[in-house]
Amino acid sequence: MKTIDLRGQHDLGEIIGLAWRLYARNFGPMFLIALTTAPLQMLAAVLQDSIAGQGAATAASAAV
């Protein structure tokens, strides 16, 4: 694996290329993170909708 010096200026193509390679190399861990956080966010939204008071809804979603 080639190391990349991130110091200095880079053009937009280099930045996008580096981001794409980083995403492609780490797709599995990133997918698992998204797989974990997406249902938790949906649960927090359902809790906020089901609780009448704004303060209680915020406290309940913060717990999730």
Protein backbone atom coordinates (compact mmCIF):
# COMPACT_ATOMS: atom_id res chain seq x y z
CA MET A 1 0.00 0.00 0.00
CA LYS A 2 1.34 3.39 -1.02
CA THR A 3 1.50 6.14 1.59
CA ILE A 4 0.14 9.53 0.63
CA ASP A 5 1.48 12.82 1.93
CA LEU A 6 -1.57 14.84 2.94
CA ARG A 7 0.41 17.98 3.67
CA GLY A 8 0.41 20.62 1.01
CA GLN A 9 -2.10 21.58 -1.63
CA HIS A 10 -4.10 19.09 -3.66
CA ASP A 11 -6.53 19.64 -6.49
CA LEU A 12 -10.14 18.51 -6.35
CA GLY A 13 -9.50 15.39 -8.44
CA GLU A 14 -6.82 14.19 -6.01
CA ILE A 15 -9.10 14.78 -3.02
CA ILE A 16 -12.02 12.93 -4.61
CA GLY A 17 -9.76 10.09 -5.75
CA LEU A 18 -8.28 9.69 -2.29
CA ALA A 19 -11.72 9.74 -0.68
CA TRP A 20 -13.00 7.12 -3.15
CA ARG A 21 -10.03 4.80 -2.53
CA LEU A 22 -10.42 5.22 1.23
CA TYR A 23 -14.12 4.39 0.98
CA ALA A 24 -13.50 1.38 -1.29
CA ARG A 25 -10.80 -0.06 0.99
CA ASN A 26 -12.93 0.35 4.11
CA PHE A 27 -16.38 -0.45 2.74
CA GLY A 28 -17.03 -3.31 5.19
CA PRO A 29 -16.43 -1.35 8.41
CA MET A 30 -18.26 1.71 7.08
CA PHE A 31 -21.24 -0.42 6.06
CA LEU A 32 -21.36 -2.03 9.51
CA ILE A 33 -21.30 1.39 11.17
CA ALA A 34 -24.18 2.55 8.96
CA LEU A 35 -26.03 -0.71 9.59
CA THR A 36 -25.80 -0.03 13.32
CA THR A 37 -26.58 3.68 13.38
CA ALA A 38 -29.46 3.85 10.88
CA PRO A 39 -31.89 1.71 12.92
CA LEU A 40 -30.96 3.62 16.09
CA GLN A 41 -31.75 6.91 14.36
CA MET A 42 -35.09 5.54 13.18
CA LEU A 43 -35.87 4.38 16.73
CA ALA A 44 -35.02 7.85 18.07
CA ALA A 45 -37.37 9.44 15.50
CA VAL A 46 -40.20 7.08 16.46
CA LEU A 47 -39.66 7.86 20.14
CA GLN A 48 -39.72 11.59 19.49
CA ASP A 49 -42.97 11.30 17.54
CA SER A 50 -44.66 9.17 20.17
CA ILE A 51 -43.84 11.43 23.15
CA ALA A 52 -46.00 14.54 23.51
CA GLY A 53 -43.69 16.90 25.44
CA GLN A 54 -40.71 18.43 23.65
CA GLY A 55 -38.40 18.13 26.65
CA ALA A 56 -39.32 14.50 27.28
CA ALA A 57 -38.92 13.66 23.58
CA THR A 58 -35.45 15.19 23.54
CA ALA A 59 -34.44 13.33 26.69
CA ALA A 60 -35.75 10.02 25.33
CA SER A 61 -33.96 10.39 21.99
CA ALA A 62 -30.75 11.43 23.74
CA ALA A 63 -30.85 8.16 25.68
CA VAL A 64 -30.92 6.22 22.42
